[in-house]
Amino acid sequence: MQANVGDTLLVHGHVVGQKDRKGQIVEVRGPGGSPPFVVRYDDGHEQLVYPGPDAVVMPPGDGS
């Protein structure tokens, strides 16, 4: 998985009724755009993320 600052990280819910989480990638700490990423979620908090198979990176303007 590769990302750039400004891309959107979409993490799908794991169980029925759990909403997807969406946030903007504000920092890429891995080499060549690889994880981990610092993500600012819609509710304003930031988190260091190592995305799993339930996550998708979307470039700006791609449904975000």
Protein backbone atom coordinates (compact mmCIF):
# COMPACT_ATOMS: atom_id res chain seq x y z
CA MET A 1 0.00 0.00 0.00
CA GLN A 2 1.36 3.40 -0.99
CA ALA A 3 0.05 6.88 -0.17
CA ASN A 4 0.86 10.57 -0.38
CA VAL A 5 0.09 13.40 2.03
CA GLY A 6 -3.43 14.60 1.23
CA ASP A 7 -4.77 11.18 0.21
CA THR A 8 -7.79 9.75 2.02
CA LEU A 9 -7.61 6.55 4.04
CA LEU A 10 -10.91 4.66 4.16
CA VAL A 11 -11.12 1.86 6.73
CA HIS A 12 -14.16 -0.37 6.33
CA GLY A 13 -16.15 -1.45 9.40
CA HIS A 14 -15.41 -4.94 10.73
CA VAL A 15 -18.86 -5.94 11.94
CA VAL A 16 -22.46 -5.31 10.94
CA GLY A 17 -23.51 -1.83 12.05
CA GLN A 18 -19.96 -0.50 12.41
CA LYS A 19 -19.44 2.52 10.19
CA ASP A 20 -16.51 3.03 7.86
CA ARG A 21 -13.86 5.50 9.08
CA LYS A 22 -12.42 8.09 6.76
CA GLY A 23 -9.47 10.37 7.36
CA GLN A 24 -6.87 12.45 5.58
CA ILE A 25 -3.26 11.29 5.51
CA VAL A 26 -1.22 14.14 7.01
CA GLU A 27 2.15 12.37 7.22
CA VAL A 28 3.75 9.35 5.56
CA ARG A 29 6.47 7.86 7.77
CA GLY A 30 7.47 4.82 5.73
CA PRO A 31 9.94 4.81 2.84
CA GLY A 32 8.56 5.49 -0.63
CA GLY A 33 5.02 6.27 0.52
CA SER A 34 4.54 3.09 2.53
CA PRO A 35 3.01 2.79 6.03
CA PRO A 36 2.85 3.86 8.74
CA PHE A 37 0.68 6.91 8.10
CA VAL A 38 -0.46 9.66 10.43
CA VAL A 39 -4.18 10.10 9.72
CA ARG A 40 -6.50 12.92 10.79
CA TYR A 41 -10.03 11.53 11.01
CA ASP A 42 -13.25 13.46 10.37
CA ASP A 43 -13.80 13.87 14.12
CA GLY A 44 -10.47 15.76 14.39
CA HIS A 45 -8.23 13.26 16.18
CA GLU A 46 -4.96 12.02 14.70
CA GLN A 47 -3.61 8.49 14.87
CA LEU A 48 -0.58 6.54 13.66
CA VAL A 49 -1.96 3.83 11.38
CA TYR A 50 -0.55 0.64 9.92
CA PRO A 51 -3.43 -0.12 7.52
CA GLY A 52 -4.73 -3.66 7.25
CA PRO A 53 -6.52 -5.42 4.39
CA ASP A 54 -9.75 -3.58 5.26
CA ALA A 55 -8.24 -0.19 4.32
CA VAL A 56 -8.14 1.63 0.97
CA VAL A 57 -6.10 4.68 -0.02
CA MET A 58 -7.91 7.12 -2.30
CA PRO A 59 -6.19 10.06 -4.00
CA PRO A 60 -7.76 13.54 -3.64
CA GLY A 61 -10.90 13.91 -5.74
CA ASP A 62 -11.58 10.15 -5.85
CA GLY A 63 -14.81 10.02 -3.86
CA SER A 64 -13.43 11.69 -0.75
